Amino acid sequence: MSNDFGKRYEELACKYLEKSGYKVKARNVSYRFGEIDIVALKGKTLVFVEVKGGSSFRLPRYRVDERKLRRLELAAQRYIITEKPVFSEARLDVIEVLENGKVNHLKAVGRW
């Protein structure tokens, strides 16, 4: 997310994760085929997070389609290979931040 709204949504998502016991390890990890908004660790679970924000009229989560999920999976696999983090399991999550600041955390949205 490169715009000011996107940065604000990512900040809110990071604060939410930290309050929920996650440790944010990286942000905006970019590869030629995809980007990971947030990489976090909760216990031994490595979590790759896509952040979407916007209106509650059309929920932002619906902008995460199959193509976006595949790119996120590829980026997550590359992250694991290159960074060699210590973890037991991994998952893909979506954090939806609505205009009013409400955060919805959708866990395990990918095929992992």
PDB file of N, CA and C in Angstrom:
ATOM      1  N   MET A   1       0.846  -1.170   0.000  1.00  0.00           N
ATOM      2  CA  MET A   1       0.000   0.000   0.000  1.00  0.00           C
ATOM      3  C   MET A   1       0.893   1.235   0.000  1.00  0.00           C
ATOM      4  N   SER A   2       0.746   2.038  -0.974  1.00  0.00           N
ATOM      5  CA  SER A   2       1.666   3.159  -1.070  1.00  0.00           C
ATOM      6  C   SER A   2       1.034   4.500  -0.709  1.00  0.00           C
ATOM      7  N   ASN A   3      -0.269   4.576  -0.637  1.00  0.00           N
ATOM      8  CA  ASN A   3      -0.886   5.873  -0.344  1.00  0.00           C
ATOM      9  C   ASN A   3      -1.007   6.117   1.166  1.00  0.00           C
ATOM     10  N   ASP A   4      -1.379   7.339   1.528  1.00  0.00           N
ATOM     11  CA  ASP A   4      -1.478   7.697   2.945  1.00  0.00           C
ATOM     12  C   ASP A   4      -2.527   6.877   3.686  1.00  0.00           C
ATOM     13  N   PHE A   5      -3.664   6.614   3.012  1.00  0.00           N
ATOM     14  CA  PHE A   5      -4.687   5.779   3.652  1.00  0.00           C
ATOM     15  C   PHE A   5      -4.130   4.389   3.917  1.00  0.00           C
ATOM     16  N   GLY A   6      -3.438   3.850   2.938  1.00  0.00           N
ATOM     17  CA  GLY A   6      -2.864   2.512   3.078  1.00  0.00           C
ATOM     18  C   GLY A   6      -1.902   2.431   4.245  1.00  0.00           C
ATOM     19  N   LYS A   7      -1.062   3.441   4.388  1.00  0.00           N
ATOM     20  CA  LYS A   7      -0.115   3.468   5.506  1.00  0.00           C
ATOM     21  C   LYS A   7      -0.852   3.542   6.836  1.00  0.00           C
ATOM     22  N   ARG A   8      -1.922   4.340   6.864  1.00  0.00           N
ATOM     23  CA  ARG A   8      -2.714   4.456   8.096  1.00  0.00           C
ATOM     24  C   ARG A   8      -3.372   3.115   8.446  1.00  0.00           C
ATOM     25  N   TYR A   9      -3.905   2.443   7.430  1.00  0.00           N
ATOM     26  CA  TYR A   9      -4.522   1.139   7.669  1.00  0.00           C
ATOM     27  C   TYR A   9      -3.488   0.136   8.172  1.00  0.00           C
ATOM     28  N   GLU A  10      -2.299   0.149   7.591  1.00  0.00           N
ATOM     29  CA  GLU A  10      -1.243  -0.759   8.043  1.00  0.00           C
ATOM     30  C   GLU A  10      -0.825  -0.461   9.475  1.00  0.00           C
ATOM     31  N   GLU A  11      -0.739   0.813   9.821  1.00  0.00           N
ATOM     32  CA  GLU A  11      -0.403   1.185  11.198  1.00  0.00           C
ATOM     33  C   GLU A  11      -1.450   0.649  12.175  1.00  0.00           C
ATOM     34  N   LEU A  12      -2.717   0.836  11.847  1.00  0.00           N
ATOM     35  CA  LEU A  12      -3.794   0.326  12.707  1.00  0.00           C
ATOM     36  C   LEU A  12      -3.739  -1.193  12.807  1.00  0.00           C
ATOM     37  N   ALA A  13      -3.438  -1.851  11.699  1.00  0.00           N
ATOM     38  CA  ALA A  13      -3.330  -3.316  11.700  1.00  0.00           C
ATOM     39  C   ALA A  13      -2.176  -3.768  12.591  1.00  0.00           C
ATOM     40  N   CYS A  14      -1.032  -3.093  12.512  1.00  0.00           N
ATOM     41  CA  CYS A  14       0.118  -3.445  13.360  1.00  0.00           C
ATOM     42  C   CYS A  14      -0.215  -3.256  14.837  1.00  0.00           C
ATOM     43  N   LYS A  15      -0.857  -2.152  15.162  1.00  0.00           N
ATOM     44  CA  LYS A  15      -1.241  -1.905  16.561  1.00  0.00           C
ATOM     45  C   LYS A  15      -2.196  -2.985  17.052  1.00  0.00           C
ATOM     46  N   TYR A  16      -3.151  -3.348  16.203  1.00  0.00           N
ATOM     47  CA  TYR A  16      -4.092  -4.407  16.559  1.00  0.00           C
ATOM     48  C   TYR A  16      -3.338  -5.713  16.830  1.00  0.00           C
ATOM     49  N   LEU A  17      -2.418  -6.070  15.922  1.00  0.00           N
ATOM     50  CA  LEU A  17      -1.669  -7.318  16.083  1.00  0.00           C
ATOM     51  C   LEU A  17      -0.857  -7.308  17.376  1.00  0.00           C
ATOM     52  N   GLU A  18      -0.164  -6.211  17.631  1.00  0.00           N
ATOM     53  CA  GLU A  18       0.657  -6.126  18.833  1.00  0.00           C
ATOM     54  C   GLU A  18      -0.191  -6.228  20.098  1.00  0.00           C
ATOM     55  N   LYS A  19      -1.358  -5.584  20.103  1.00  0.00           N
ATOM     56  CA  LYS A  19      -2.263  -5.684  21.257  1.00  0.00           C
ATOM     57  C   LYS A  19      -2.782  -7.106  21.433  1.00  0.00           C
ATOM     58  N   SER A  20      -2.833  -7.855  20.327  1.00  0.00           N
ATOM     59  CA  SER A  20      -3.348  -9.227  20.356  1.00  0.00           C
ATOM     60  C   SER A  20      -2.243 -10.250  20.610  1.00  0.00           C
ATOM     61  N   GLY A  21      -1.043  -9.786  20.933  1.00  0.00           N
ATOM     62  CA  GLY A  21       0.029 -10.707  21.293  1.00  0.00           C
ATOM     63  C   GLY A  21       0.946 -11.131  20.155  1.00  0.00           C
ATOM     64  N   TYR A  22       0.837 -10.501  19.007  1.00  0.00           N
ATOM     65  CA  TYR A  22       1.721 -10.808  17.885  1.00  0.00           C
ATOM     66  C   TYR A  22       2.956  -9.924  17.956  1.00  0.00           C
ATOM     67  N   LYS A  23       4.050 -10.434  17.428  1.00  0.00           N
ATOM     68  CA  LYS A  23       5.268  -9.644  17.310  1.00  0.00           C
ATOM     69  C   LYS A  23       5.477  -9.359  15.822  1.00  0.00           C
ATOM     70  N   VAL A  24       5.419  -8.102  15.435  1.00  0.00           N
ATOM     71  CA  VAL A  24       5.599  -7.728  14.030  1.00  0.00           C
ATOM     72  C   VAL A  24       7.080  -7.860  13.687  1.00  0.00           C
ATOM     73  N   LYS A  25       7.378  -8.703  12.697  1.00  0.00           N
ATOM     74  CA  LYS A  25       8.765  -8.976  12.309  1.00  0.00           C
ATOM     75  C   LYS A  25       9.200  -8.155  11.103  1.00  0.00           C
ATOM     76  N   ALA A  26       8.287  -7.861  10.193  1.00  0.00           N
ATOM     77  CA  ALA A  26       8.641  -7.122   8.973  1.00  0.00           C
ATOM     78  C   ALA A  26       7.386  -6.492   8.391  1.00  0.00           C
ATOM     79  N   ARG A  27       7.623  -5.437   7.596  1.00  0.00           N
ATOM     80  CA  ARG A  27       6.512  -4.764   6.908  1.00  0.00           C
ATOM     81  C   ARG A  27       6.926  -4.483   5.475  1.00  0.00           C
ATOM     82  N   ASN A  28       5.945  -4.531   4.598  1.00  0.00           N
ATOM     83  CA  ASN A  28       6.142  -4.190   3.186  1.00  0.00           C
ATOM     84  C   ASN A  28       7.314  -4.945   2.563  1.00  0.00           C
ATOM     85  N   VAL A  29       7.280  -6.257   2.704  1.00  0.00           N
ATOM     86  CA  VAL A  29       8.300  -7.113   2.105  1.00  0.00           C
ATOM     87  C   VAL A  29       7.892  -7.326   0.654  1.00  0.00           C
ATOM     88  N   SER A  30       8.761  -6.900  -0.251  1.00  0.00           N
ATOM     89  CA  SER A  30       8.387  -6.889  -1.663  1.00  0.00           C
ATOM     90  C   SER A  30       9.290  -7.780  -2.508  1.00  0.00           C
ATOM     91  N   TYR A  31       8.650  -8.555  -3.360  1.00  0.00           N
ATOM     92  CA  TYR A  31       9.329  -9.371  -4.360  1.00  0.00           C
ATOM     93  C   TYR A  31       8.709  -9.015  -5.701  1.00  0.00           C
ATOM     94  N   ARG A  32       9.333  -9.426  -6.779  1.00  0.00           N
ATOM     95  CA  ARG A  32       8.826  -9.008  -8.093  1.00  0.00           C
ATOM     96  C   ARG A  32       7.420  -9.529  -8.374  1.00  0.00           C
ATOM     97  N   PHE A  33       7.032 -10.605  -7.737  1.00  0.00           N
ATOM     98  CA  PHE A  33       5.723 -11.210  -7.997  1.00  0.00           C
ATOM     99  C   PHE A  33       4.703 -10.938  -6.915  1.00  0.00           C
ATOM    100  N   GLY A  34       5.070 -10.194  -5.879  1.00  0.00           N
ATOM    101  CA  GLY A  34       4.094  -9.921  -4.839  1.00  0.00           C
ATOM    102  C   GLY A  34       4.701  -9.244  -3.629  1.00  0.00           C
ATOM    103  N   GLU A  35       3.832  -8.729  -2.781  1.00  0.00           N
ATOM    104  CA  GLU A  35       4.261  -8.023  -1.575  1.00  0.00           C
ATOM    105  C   GLU A  35       3.505  -8.560  -0.371  1.00  0.00           C
ATOM    106  N   ILE A  36       4.193  -8.589   0.754  1.00  0.00           N
ATOM    107  CA  ILE A  36       3.572  -8.955   2.026  1.00  0.00           C
ATOM    108  C   ILE A  36       3.479  -7.678   2.849  1.00  0.00           C
ATOM    109  N   ASP A  37       2.280  -7.306   3.257  1.00  0.00           N
ATOM    110  CA  ASP A  37       2.116  -6.083   4.030  1.00  0.00           C
ATOM    111  C   ASP A  37       2.758  -6.201   5.408  1.00  0.00           C
ATOM    112  N   ILE A  38       2.471  -7.309   6.101  1.00  0.00           N
ATOM    113  CA  ILE A  38       3.007  -7.508   7.455  1.00  0.00           C
ATOM    114  C   ILE A  38       3.386  -8.976   7.633  1.00  0.00           C
ATOM    115  N   VAL A  39       4.549  -9.193   8.248  1.00  0.00           N
ATOM    116  CA  VAL A  39       4.947 -10.531   8.690  1.00  0.00           C
ATOM    117  C   VAL A  39       4.979 -10.456  10.210  1.00  0.00           C
ATOM    118  N   ALA A  40       4.255 -11.357  10.859  1.00  0.00           N
ATOM    119  CA  ALA A  40       4.181 -11.340  12.321  1.00  0.00           C
ATOM    120  C   ALA A  40       4.356 -12.752  12.865  1.00  0.00           C
ATOM    121  N   LEU A  41       4.680 -12.818  14.125  1.00  0.00           N
ATOM    122  CA  LEU A  41       4.868 -14.095  14.800  1.00  0.00           C
ATOM    123  C   LEU A  41       4.010 -14.099  16.054  1.00  0.00           C
ATOM    124  N   LYS A  42       3.226 -15.159  16.221  1.00  0.00           N
ATOM    125  CA  LYS A  42       2.474 -15.346  17.471  1.00  0.00           C
ATOM    126  C   LYS A  42       2.818 -16.736  17.971  1.00  0.00           C
ATOM    127  N   GLY A  43       3.557 -16.774  19.062  1.00  0.00           N
ATOM    128  CA  GLY A  43       4.081 -18.053  19.518  1.00  0.00           C
ATOM    129  C   GLY A  43       5.021 -18.581  18.461  1.00  0.00           C
ATOM    130  N   LYS A  44       4.742 -19.772  17.971  1.00  0.00           N
ATOM    131  CA  LYS A  44       5.563 -20.384  16.913  1.00  0.00           C
ATOM    132  C   LYS A  44       4.873 -20.337  15.555  1.00  0.00           C
ATOM    133  N   THR A  45       3.789 -19.535  15.454  1.00  0.00           N
ATOM    134  CA  THR A  45       3.058 -19.412  14.197  1.00  0.00           C
ATOM    135  C   THR A  45       3.499 -18.154  13.463  1.00  0.00           C
ATOM    136  N   LEU A  46       3.975 -18.352  12.248  1.00  0.00           N
ATOM    137  CA  LEU A  46       4.379 -17.248  11.385  1.00  0.00           C
ATOM    138  C   LEU A  46       3.165 -16.837  10.567  1.00  0.00           C
ATOM    139  N   VAL A  47       2.828 -15.555  10.620  1.00  0.00           N
ATOM    140  CA  VAL A  47       1.605 -15.075   9.988  1.00  0.00           C
ATOM    141  C   VAL A  47       1.949 -14.012   8.942  1.00  0.00           C
ATOM    142  N   PHE A  48       1.485 -14.248   7.716  1.00  0.00           N
ATOM    143  CA  PHE A  48       1.656 -13.306   6.617  1.00  0.00           C
ATOM    144  C   PHE A  48       0.322 -12.594   6.438  1.00  0.00           C
ATOM    145  N   VAL A  49       0.348 -11.270   6.514  1.00  0.00           N
ATOM    146  CA  VAL A  49      -0.893 -10.508   6.577  1.00  0.00           C
ATOM    147  C   VAL A  49      -1.035  -9.574   5.375  1.00  0.00           C
ATOM    148  N   GLU A  50      -2.189  -9.646   4.747  1.00  0.00           N
ATOM    149  CA  GLU A  50      -2.597  -8.683   3.721  1.00  0.00           C
ATOM    150  C   GLU A  50      -3.545  -7.708   4.399  1.00  0.00           C
ATOM    151  N   VAL A  51      -3.270  -6.413   4.278  1.00  0.00           N
ATOM    152  CA  VAL A  51      -4.108  -5.396   4.905  1.00  0.00           C
ATOM    153  C   VAL A  51      -4.945  -4.718   3.823  1.00  0.00           C
ATOM    154  N   LYS A  52      -6.246  -4.647   4.067  1.00  0.00           N
ATOM    155  CA  LYS A  52      -7.157  -3.930   3.177  1.00  0.00           C
ATOM    156  C   LYS A  52      -7.994  -2.992   4.018  1.00  0.00           C
ATOM    157  N   GLY A  53      -8.199  -1.813   3.511  1.00  0.00           N
ATOM    158  CA  GLY A  53      -8.990  -0.851   4.254  1.00  0.00           C
ATOM    159  C   GLY A  53      -9.976  -0.140   3.357  1.00  0.00           C
ATOM    160  N   GLY A  54     -10.947   0.493   4.003  1.00  0.00           N
ATOM    161  CA  GLY A  54     -11.925   1.261   3.252  1.00  0.00           C
ATOM    162  C   GLY A  54     -13.294   1.238   3.874  1.00  0.00           C
ATOM    163  N   SER A  55     -14.269   1.415   3.041  1.00  0.00           N
ATOM    164  CA  SER A  55     -15.659   1.580   3.441  1.00  0.00           C
ATOM    165  C   SER A  55     -16.288   0.274   3.910  1.00  0.00           C
ATOM    166  N   SER A  56     -17.211   0.388   4.855  1.00  0.00           N
ATOM    167  CA  SER A  56     -17.958  -0.800   5.278  1.00  0.00           C
ATOM    168  C   SER A  56     -19.107  -1.088   4.314  1.00  0.00           C
ATOM    169  N   PHE A  57     -19.360  -0.173   3.372  1.00  0.00           N
ATOM    170  CA  PHE A  57     -20.409  -0.387   2.382  1.00  0.00           C
ATOM    171  C   PHE A  57     -20.062  -1.598   1.502  1.00  0.00           C
ATOM    172  N   ARG A  58     -18.842  -1.619   0.984  1.00  0.00           N
ATOM    173  CA  ARG A  58     -18.331  -2.781   0.252  1.00  0.00           C
ATOM    174  C   ARG A  58     -17.075  -3.211   0.994  1.00  0.00           C
ATOM    175  N   LEU A  59     -17.193  -4.246   1.778  1.00  0.00           N
ATOM    176  CA  LEU A  59     -16.114  -4.646   2.672  1.00  0.00           C
ATOM    177  C   LEU A  59     -14.792  -4.842   1.921  1.00  0.00           C
ATOM    178  N   PRO A  60     -13.707  -4.274   2.439  1.00  0.00           N
ATOM    179  CA  PRO A  60     -12.404  -4.363   1.777  1.00  0.00           C
ATOM    180  C   PRO A  60     -11.910  -5.788   1.566  1.00  0.00           C
ATOM    181  N   ARG A  61     -12.339  -6.725   2.404  1.00  0.00           N
ATOM    182  CA  ARG A  61     -11.879  -8.118   2.276  1.00  0.00           C
ATOM    183  C   ARG A  61     -12.182  -8.683   0.894  1.00  0.00           C
ATOM    184  N   TYR A  62     -13.210  -8.166   0.238  1.00  0.00           N
ATOM    185  CA  TYR A  62     -13.591  -8.704  -1.063  1.00  0.00           C
ATOM    186  C   TYR A  62     -12.622  -8.307  -2.170  1.00  0.00           C
ATOM    187  N   ARG A  63     -11.664  -7.434  -1.855  1.00  0.00           N
ATOM    188  CA  ARG A  63     -10.628  -7.091  -2.833  1.00  0.00           C
ATOM    189  C   ARG A  63      -9.457  -8.075  -2.786  1.00  0.00           C
ATOM    190  N   VAL A  64      -9.518  -9.056  -1.899  1.00  0.00           N
ATOM    191  CA  VAL A  64      -8.498 -10.101  -1.848  1.00  0.00           C
ATOM    192  C   VAL A  64      -9.063 -11.294  -2.612  1.00  0.00           C
ATOM    193  N   ASP A  65      -8.663 -11.393  -3.879  1.00  0.00           N
ATOM    194  CA  ASP A  65      -9.166 -12.464  -4.728  1.00  0.00           C
ATOM    195  C   ASP A  65      -8.145 -13.599  -4.811  1.00  0.00           C
ATOM    196  N   GLU A  66      -8.470 -14.624  -5.599  1.00  0.00           N
ATOM    197  CA  GLU A  66      -7.590 -15.785  -5.755  1.00  0.00           C
ATOM    198  C   GLU A  66      -6.205 -15.389  -6.257  1.00  0.00           C
ATOM    199  N   ARG A  67      -6.168 -14.483  -7.202  1.00  0.00           N
ATOM    200  CA  ARG A  67      -4.876 -14.045  -7.760  1.00  0.00           C
ATOM    201  C   ARG A  67      -4.018 -13.389  -6.677  1.00  0.00           C
ATOM    202  N   LYS A  68      -4.628 -12.531  -5.868  1.00  0.00           N
ATOM    203  CA  LYS A  68      -3.910 -11.864  -4.787  1.00  0.00           C
ATOM    204  C   LYS A  68      -3.414 -12.882  -3.771  1.00  0.00           C
ATOM    205  N   LEU A  69      -4.240 -13.864  -3.442  1.00  0.00           N
ATOM    206  CA  LEU A  69      -3.833 -14.903  -2.499  1.00  0.00           C
ATOM    207  C   LEU A  69      -2.656 -15.710  -3.027  1.00  0.00           C
ATOM    208  N   ARG A  70      -2.667 -16.051  -4.319  1.00  0.00           N
ATOM    209  CA  ARG A  70      -1.554 -16.816  -4.909  1.00  0.00           C
ATOM    210  C   ARG A  70      -0.266 -16.012  -4.844  1.00  0.00           C
ATOM    211  N   ARG A  71      -0.352 -14.712  -5.124  1.00  0.00           N
ATOM    212  CA  ARG A  71       0.847 -13.857  -5.053  1.00  0.00           C
ATOM    213  C   ARG A  71       1.355 -13.750  -3.618  1.00  0.00           C
ATOM    214  N   LEU A  72       0.440 -13.671  -2.677  1.00  0.00           N
ATOM    215  CA  LEU A  72       0.821 -13.621  -1.271  1.00  0.00           C
ATOM    216  C   LEU A  72       1.493 -14.933  -0.856  1.00  0.00           C
ATOM    217  N   GLU A  73       0.960 -16.059  -1.311  1.00  0.00           N
ATOM    218  CA  GLU A  73       1.567 -17.356  -1.008  1.00  0.00           C
ATOM    219  C   GLU A  73       2.980 -17.453  -1.574  1.00  0.00           C
ATOM    220  N   LEU A  74       3.163 -17.005  -2.812  1.00  0.00           N
ATOM    221  CA  LEU A  74       4.498 -17.026  -3.425  1.00  0.00           C
ATOM    222  C   LEU A  74       5.471 -16.147  -2.646  1.00  0.00           C
ATOM    223  N   ALA A  75       5.029 -14.956  -2.273  1.00  0.00           N
ATOM    224  CA  ALA A  75       5.877 -14.052  -1.506  1.00  0.00           C
ATOM    225  C   ALA A  75       6.207 -14.654  -0.140  1.00  0.00           C
ATOM    226  N   ALA A  76       5.232 -15.293   0.493  1.00  0.00           N
ATOM    227  CA  ALA A  76       5.455 -15.929   1.793  1.00  0.00           C
ATOM    228  C   ALA A  76       6.474 -17.063   1.668  1.00  0.00           C
ATOM    229  N   GLN A  77       6.352 -17.861   0.630  1.00  0.00           N
ATOM    230  CA  GLN A  77       7.317 -18.943   0.414  1.00  0.00           C
ATOM    231  C   GLN A  77       8.721 -18.383   0.207  1.00  0.00           C
ATOM    232  N   ARG A  78       8.835 -17.311  -0.570  1.00  0.00           N
ATOM    233  CA  ARG A  78      10.141 -16.690  -0.800  1.00  0.00           C
ATOM    234  C   ARG A  78      10.708 -16.130   0.509  1.00  0.00           C
ATOM    235  N   TYR A  79       9.846 -15.514   1.315  1.00  0.00           N
ATOM    236  CA  TYR A  79      10.279 -14.981   2.608  1.00  0.00           C
ATOM    237  C   TYR A  79      10.855 -16.095   3.477  1.00  0.00           C
ATOM    238  N   ILE A  80      10.153 -17.217   3.543  1.00  0.00           N
ATOM    239  CA  ILE A  80      10.607 -18.349   4.362  1.00  0.00           C
ATOM    240  C   ILE A  80      11.958 -18.867   3.865  1.00  0.00           C
ATOM    241  N   ILE A  81      12.108 -18.966   2.558  1.00  0.00           N
ATOM    242  CA  ILE A  81      13.358 -19.470   1.978  1.00  0.00           C
ATOM    243  C   ILE A  81      14.521 -18.506   2.240  1.00  0.00           C
ATOM    244  N   THR A  82      14.285 -17.216   2.065  1.00  0.00           N
ATOM    245  CA  THR A  82      15.386 -16.257   2.174  1.00  0.00           C
ATOM    246  C   THR A  82      15.680 -15.824   3.605  1.00  0.00           C
ATOM    247  N   GLU A  83      14.662 -15.684   4.433  1.00  0.00           N
ATOM    248  CA  GLU A  83      14.864 -15.175   5.801  1.00  0.00           C
ATOM    249  C   GLU A  83      15.083 -16.281   6.831  1.00  0.00           C
ATOM    250  N   LYS A  84      14.659 -17.496   6.502  1.00  0.00           N
ATOM    251  CA  LYS A  84      14.803 -18.658   7.379  1.00  0.00           C
ATOM    252  C   LYS A  84      14.316 -18.413   8.817  1.00  0.00           C
ATOM    253  N   PRO A  85      13.086 -17.943   8.951  1.00  0.00           N
ATOM    254  CA  PRO A  85      12.563 -17.706  10.306  1.00  0.00           C
ATOM    255  C   PRO A  85      12.308 -19.032  11.036  1.00  0.00           C
ATOM    256  N   VAL A  86      12.315 -18.978  12.357  1.00  0.00           N
ATOM    257  CA  VAL A  86      12.018 -20.154  13.174  1.00  0.00           C
ATOM    258  C   VAL A  86      10.525 -20.149  13.461  1.00  0.00           C
ATOM    259  N   PHE A  87       9.830 -21.219  13.043  1.00  0.00           N
ATOM    260  CA  PHE A  87       8.388 -21.313  13.258  1.00  0.00           C
ATOM    261  C   PHE A  87       7.956 -22.764  13.138  1.00  0.00           C
ATOM    262  N   SER A  88       6.772 -23.086  13.664  1.00  0.00           N
ATOM    263  CA  SER A  88       6.214 -24.437  13.567  1.00  0.00           C
ATOM    264  C   SER A  88       5.190 -24.527  12.462  1.00  0.00           C
ATOM    265  N   GLU A  89       4.386 -23.467  12.337  1.00  0.00           N
ATOM    266  CA  GLU A  89       3.381 -23.431  11.284  1.00  0.00           C
ATOM    267  C   GLU A  89       3.273 -22.023  10.745  1.00  0.00           C
ATOM    268  N   ALA A  90       2.672 -21.912   9.560  1.00  0.00           N
ATOM    269  CA  ALA A  90       2.500 -20.602   8.930  1.00  0.00           C
ATOM    270  C   ALA A  90       1.080 -20.504   8.399  1.00  0.00           C
ATOM    271  N   ARG A  91       0.613 -19.281   8.298  1.00  0.00           N
ATOM    272  CA  ARG A  91      -0.719 -19.070   7.728  1.00  0.00           C
ATOM    273  C   ARG A  91      -0.789 -17.701   7.075  1.00  0.00           C
ATOM    274  N   LEU A  92      -1.824 -17.542   6.246  1.00  0.00           N
ATOM    275  CA  LEU A  92      -2.099 -16.284   5.566  1.00  0.00           C
ATOM    276  C   LEU A  92      -3.360 -15.688   6.170  1.00  0.00           C
ATOM    277  N   ASP A  93      -3.279 -14.431   6.577  1.00  0.00           N
ATOM    278  CA  ASP A  93      -4.422 -13.735   7.163  1.00  0.00           C
ATOM    279  C   ASP A  93      -4.726 -12.468   6.373  1.00  0.00           C
ATOM    280  N   VAL A  94      -5.939 -11.984   6.519  1.00  0.00           N
ATOM    281  CA  VAL A  94      -6.315 -10.682   5.989  1.00  0.00           C
ATOM    282  C   VAL A  94      -6.800  -9.852   7.175  1.00  0.00           C
ATOM    283  N   ILE A  95      -6.292  -8.635   7.273  1.00  0.00           N
ATOM    284  CA  ILE A  95      -6.814  -7.702   8.264  1.00  0.00           C
ATOM    285  C   ILE A  95      -7.509  -6.596   7.494  1.00  0.00           C
ATOM    286  N   GLU A  96      -8.768  -6.435   7.832  1.00  0.00           N
ATOM    287  CA  GLU A  96      -9.622  -5.440   7.187  1.00  0.00           C
ATOM    288  C   GLU A  96      -9.814  -4.286   8.171  1.00  0.00           C
ATOM    289  N   VAL A  97      -9.450  -3.086   7.725  1.00  0.00           N
ATOM    290  CA  VAL A  97      -9.613  -1.897   8.559  1.00  0.00           C
ATOM    291  C   VAL A  97     -10.670  -1.014   7.906  1.00  0.00           C
ATOM    292  N   LEU A  98     -11.761  -0.803   8.616  1.00  0.00           N
ATOM    293  CA  LEU A  98     -12.842   0.008   8.073  1.00  0.00           C
ATOM    294  C   LEU A  98     -12.587   1.490   8.344  1.00  0.00           C
ATOM    295  N   GLU A  99     -13.279   2.336   7.608  1.00  0.00           N
ATOM    296  CA  GLU A  99     -13.096   3.790   7.742  1.00  0.00           C
ATOM    297  C   GLU A  99     -13.262   4.277   9.173  1.00  0.00           C
ATOM    298  N   ASN A 100     -14.123   3.618   9.930  1.00  0.00           N
ATOM    299  CA  ASN A 100     -14.375   4.036  11.316  1.00  0.00           C
ATOM    300  C   ASN A 100     -13.318   3.510  12.295  1.00  0.00           C
ATOM    301  N   GLY A 101     -12.291   2.813  11.767  1.00  0.00           N
ATOM    302  CA  GLY A 101     -11.219   2.291  12.607  1.00  0.00           C
ATOM    303  C   GLY A 101     -11.449   0.884  13.115  1.00  0.00           C
ATOM    304  N   LYS A 102     -12.612   0.307  12.849  1.00  0.00           N
ATOM    305  CA  LYS A 102     -12.884  -1.066  13.275  1.00  0.00           C
ATOM    306  C   LYS A 102     -11.988  -2.027  12.506  1.00  0.00           C
ATOM    307  N   VAL A 103     -11.428  -2.997  13.221  1.00  0.00           N
ATOM    308  CA  VAL A 103     -10.524  -3.973  12.622  1.00  0.00           C
ATOM    309  C   VAL A 103     -11.166  -5.348  12.652  1.00  0.00           C
ATOM    310  N   ASN A 104     -11.176  -6.015  11.499  1.00  0.00           N
ATOM    311  CA  ASN A 104     -11.632  -7.396  11.400  1.00  0.00           C
ATOM    312  C   ASN A 104     -10.442  -8.245  10.990  1.00  0.00           C
ATOM    313  N   HIS A 105     -10.166  -9.295  11.759  1.00  0.00           N
ATOM    314  CA  HIS A 105      -9.025 -10.166  11.496  1.00  0.00           C
ATOM    315  C   HIS A 105      -9.549 -11.498  10.975  1.00  0.00           C
ATOM    316  N   LEU A 106      -9.270 -11.759   9.709  1.00  0.00           N
ATOM    317  CA  LEU A 106      -9.690 -13.012   9.073  1.00  0.00           C
ATOM    318  C   LEU A 106      -8.483 -13.938   9.021  1.00  0.00           C
ATOM    319  N   LYS A 107      -8.532 -15.008   9.775  1.00  0.00           N
ATOM    320  CA  LYS A 107      -7.382 -15.891   9.918  1.00  0.00           C
ATOM    321  C   LYS A 107      -7.449 -17.064   8.943  1.00  0.00           C
ATOM    322  N   ALA A 108      -6.257 -17.480   8.510  1.00  0.00           N
ATOM    323  CA  ALA A 108      -6.092 -18.671   7.663  1.00  0.00           C
ATOM    324  C   ALA A 108      -6.944 -18.611   6.400  1.00  0.00           C
ATOM    325  N   VAL A 109      -6.727 -17.583   5.612  1.00  0.00           N
ATOM    326  CA  VAL A 109      -7.519 -17.404   4.391  1.00  0.00           C
ATOM    327  C   VAL A 109      -6.941 -18.133   3.181  1.00  0.00           C
ATOM    328  N   GLY A 110      -5.687 -18.518   3.255  1.00  0.00           N
ATOM    329  CA  GLY A 110      -5.050 -19.201   2.126  1.00  0.00           C
ATOM    330  C   GLY A 110      -5.210 -20.700   2.200  1.00  0.00           C
ATOM    331  N   ARG A 111      -4.529 -21.422   1.319  1.00  0.00           N
ATOM    332  CA  ARG A 111      -4.617 -22.875   1.265  1.00  0.00           C
ATOM    333  C   ARG A 111      -3.632 -23.570   2.202  1.00  0.00           C
ATOM    334  N   TRP A 112      -2.870 -22.842   2.952  1.00  0.00           N
ATOM    335  CA  TRP A 112      -1.863 -23.462   3.813  1.00  0.00           C
ATOM    336  C   TRP A 112      -2.491 -24.145   4.973  1.00  0.00           C
TER     337      TRP A 112
END
